[in-house]
Amino acid sequence: MMAGYEIFFKESVWKELGRLPKSDLKKILSRVEQLGNDLRPMGCEKLTGLELYRIRQ
């Protein structure tokens, strides 16, 4: 069984997300939820010179 991860947002992130159209918000939250199972999904890109990755929605 694979370990899952919990995703937490700062309060400021929730405020920004609240300003988005509902259709976009639903897509973004769905994509973020998937990170709980796979931190580096298909299409993620490694940031140059850092041990960080990004995903786009």
N, C-alpha and C. Protein backbone atom coordinates (compact mmCIF):
# COMPACT_ATOMS: atom_id res chain seq x y z
N MET A 1 0.84 -1.19 0.00
CA MET A 1 0.00 0.00 0.00
C MET A 1 0.88 1.24 0.00
N MET A 2 0.56 2.21 -0.88
CA MET A 2 1.34 3.44 -0.96
C MET A 2 0.92 4.41 0.14
N ALA A 3 1.88 5.14 0.64
CA ALA A 3 1.57 6.17 1.63
C ALA A 3 0.97 7.38 0.92
N GLY A 4 0.02 8.01 1.56
CA GLY A 4 -0.58 9.22 1.02
C GLY A 4 0.03 10.45 1.68
N TYR A 5 -0.25 11.58 1.13
CA TYR A 5 0.24 12.84 1.66
C TYR A 5 -0.95 13.73 1.94
N GLU A 6 -0.79 14.62 2.90
CA GLU A 6 -1.81 15.62 3.19
C GLU A 6 -1.36 16.94 2.60
N ILE A 7 -2.30 17.66 2.02
CA ILE A 7 -2.03 18.96 1.42
C ILE A 7 -2.65 20.03 2.30
N PHE A 8 -1.86 21.02 2.69
CA PHE A 8 -2.33 22.12 3.52
C PHE A 8 -2.12 23.42 2.77
N PHE A 9 -3.06 24.35 2.93
CA PHE A 9 -2.95 25.68 2.34
C PHE A 9 -2.86 26.73 3.44
N LYS A 10 -2.09 27.77 3.18
CA LYS A 10 -2.10 28.94 4.07
C LYS A 10 -3.45 29.63 3.89
N GLU A 11 -3.83 30.42 4.89
CA GLU A 11 -5.09 31.18 4.80
C GLU A 11 -5.09 32.10 3.58
N SER A 12 -3.94 32.68 3.27
CA SER A 12 -3.85 33.60 2.12
C SER A 12 -4.14 32.88 0.80
N VAL A 13 -3.79 31.60 0.72
CA VAL A 13 -4.07 30.82 -0.49
C VAL A 13 -5.57 30.63 -0.65
N TRP A 14 -6.26 30.33 0.45
CA TRP A 14 -7.72 30.16 0.39
C TRP A 14 -8.39 31.44 -0.09
N LYS A 15 -7.87 32.59 0.35
CA LYS A 15 -8.45 33.87 -0.08
C LYS A 15 -8.29 34.05 -1.59
N GLU A 16 -7.12 33.73 -2.10
CA GLU A 16 -6.87 33.85 -3.54
C GLU A 16 -7.74 32.87 -4.33
N LEU A 17 -7.84 31.64 -3.84
CA LEU A 17 -8.65 30.64 -4.52
C LEU A 17 -10.12 31.05 -4.55
N GLY A 18 -10.57 31.74 -3.50
CA GLY A 18 -11.95 32.18 -3.42
C GLY A 18 -12.32 33.20 -4.48
N ARG A 19 -11.33 33.84 -5.07
CA ARG A 19 -11.56 34.85 -6.11
C ARG A 19 -11.67 34.26 -7.51
N LEU A 20 -11.38 32.98 -7.64
CA LEU A 20 -11.41 32.34 -8.96
C LEU A 20 -12.82 31.92 -9.34
N PRO A 21 -13.09 31.83 -10.64
CA PRO A 21 -14.38 31.28 -11.08
C PRO A 21 -14.52 29.84 -10.58
N LYS A 22 -15.74 29.45 -10.24
CA LYS A 22 -15.99 28.12 -9.67
C LYS A 22 -15.48 26.99 -10.56
N SER A 23 -15.62 27.13 -11.88
CA SER A 23 -15.18 26.06 -12.78
C SER A 23 -13.66 25.88 -12.71
N ASP A 24 -12.91 26.99 -12.63
CA ASP A 24 -11.46 26.92 -12.52
C ASP A 24 -11.04 26.37 -11.16
N LEU A 25 -11.73 26.82 -10.12
CA LEU A 25 -11.42 26.36 -8.76
C LEU A 25 -11.58 24.85 -8.65
N LYS A 26 -12.63 24.32 -9.24
CA LYS A 26 -12.88 22.88 -9.19
C LYS A 26 -11.74 22.11 -9.85
N LYS A 27 -11.28 22.57 -11.00
CA LYS A 27 -10.17 21.92 -11.71
C LYS A 27 -8.88 21.97 -10.90
N ILE A 28 -8.60 23.13 -10.33
CA ILE A 28 -7.36 23.31 -9.56
C ILE A 28 -7.37 22.42 -8.32
N LEU A 29 -8.47 22.43 -7.58
CA LEU A 29 -8.53 21.61 -6.37
C LEU A 29 -8.47 20.13 -6.68
N SER A 30 -9.04 19.72 -7.79
CA SER A 30 -8.95 18.33 -8.21
C SER A 30 -7.49 17.95 -8.48
N ARG A 31 -6.79 18.82 -9.17
CA ARG A 31 -5.38 18.57 -9.50
C ARG A 31 -4.53 18.52 -8.22
N VAL A 32 -4.79 19.44 -7.29
CA VAL A 32 -4.05 19.46 -6.03
C VAL A 32 -4.34 18.20 -5.22
N GLU A 33 -5.58 17.77 -5.21
CA GLU A 33 -5.96 16.56 -4.47
C GLU A 33 -5.18 15.35 -4.99
N GLN A 34 -4.95 15.29 -6.28
CA GLN A 34 -4.19 14.19 -6.87
C GLN A 34 -2.75 14.14 -6.35
N LEU A 35 -2.23 15.29 -5.92
CA LEU A 35 -0.87 15.33 -5.38
C LEU A 35 -0.75 14.52 -4.09
N GLY A 36 -1.85 14.28 -3.42
CA GLY A 36 -1.84 13.46 -2.21
C GLY A 36 -1.42 12.04 -2.48
N ASN A 37 -1.58 11.59 -3.72
CA ASN A 37 -1.21 10.23 -4.09
C ASN A 37 0.07 10.17 -4.92
N ASP A 38 0.36 11.24 -5.63
CA ASP A 38 1.52 11.25 -6.53
C ASP A 38 2.09 12.67 -6.55
N LEU A 39 3.21 12.88 -5.86
CA LEU A 39 3.79 14.22 -5.77
C LEU A 39 4.40 14.71 -7.09
N ARG A 40 4.68 13.81 -8.00
CA ARG A 40 5.25 14.20 -9.29
C ARG A 40 4.46 13.55 -10.41
N PRO A 41 3.26 14.06 -10.67
CA PRO A 41 2.41 13.46 -11.71
C PRO A 41 2.95 13.73 -13.11
N MET A 42 2.36 13.05 -14.09
CA MET A 42 2.72 13.30 -15.48
C MET A 42 2.58 14.78 -15.77
N GLY A 43 3.55 15.33 -16.48
CA GLY A 43 3.48 16.74 -16.87
C GLY A 43 4.11 17.69 -15.88
N CYS A 44 4.57 17.20 -14.73
CA CYS A 44 5.24 18.11 -13.80
C CYS A 44 6.63 18.44 -14.35
N GLU A 45 7.14 19.61 -14.01
CA GLU A 45 8.45 20.04 -14.49
C GLU A 45 9.34 20.40 -13.32
N LYS A 46 10.59 19.98 -13.39
CA LYS A 46 11.56 20.32 -12.37
C LYS A 46 12.01 21.75 -12.61
N LEU A 47 12.07 22.54 -11.54
CA LEU A 47 12.53 23.91 -11.66
C LEU A 47 14.05 23.93 -11.73
N THR A 48 14.60 24.73 -12.60
CA THR A 48 16.04 24.78 -12.84
C THR A 48 16.80 25.10 -11.56
N GLY A 49 17.78 24.26 -11.24
CA GLY A 49 18.67 24.50 -10.12
C GLY A 49 18.06 24.29 -8.75
N LEU A 50 16.84 23.80 -8.68
CA LEU A 50 16.18 23.61 -7.39
C LEU A 50 15.62 22.20 -7.30
N GLU A 51 15.38 21.75 -6.10
CA GLU A 51 14.71 20.46 -5.90
C GLU A 51 13.22 20.70 -5.72
N LEU A 52 12.67 21.51 -6.61
CA LEU A 52 11.25 21.83 -6.59
C LEU A 52 10.66 21.51 -7.95
N TYR A 53 9.37 21.22 -7.96
CA TYR A 53 8.66 20.88 -9.19
C TYR A 53 7.42 21.75 -9.30
N ARG A 54 6.92 21.90 -10.51
CA ARG A 54 5.67 22.64 -10.70
C ARG A 54 4.73 21.82 -11.56
N ILE A 55 3.46 22.07 -11.32
CA ILE A 55 2.42 21.50 -12.19
C ILE A 55 1.56 22.67 -12.64
N ARG A 56 0.94 22.51 -13.77
CA ARG A 56 0.08 23.57 -14.29
C ARG A 56 -1.32 23.02 -14.47
N GLN A 57 -2.25 23.91 -14.29
CA GLN A 57 -3.65 23.57 -14.54
C GLN A 57 -4.24 24.66 -15.39
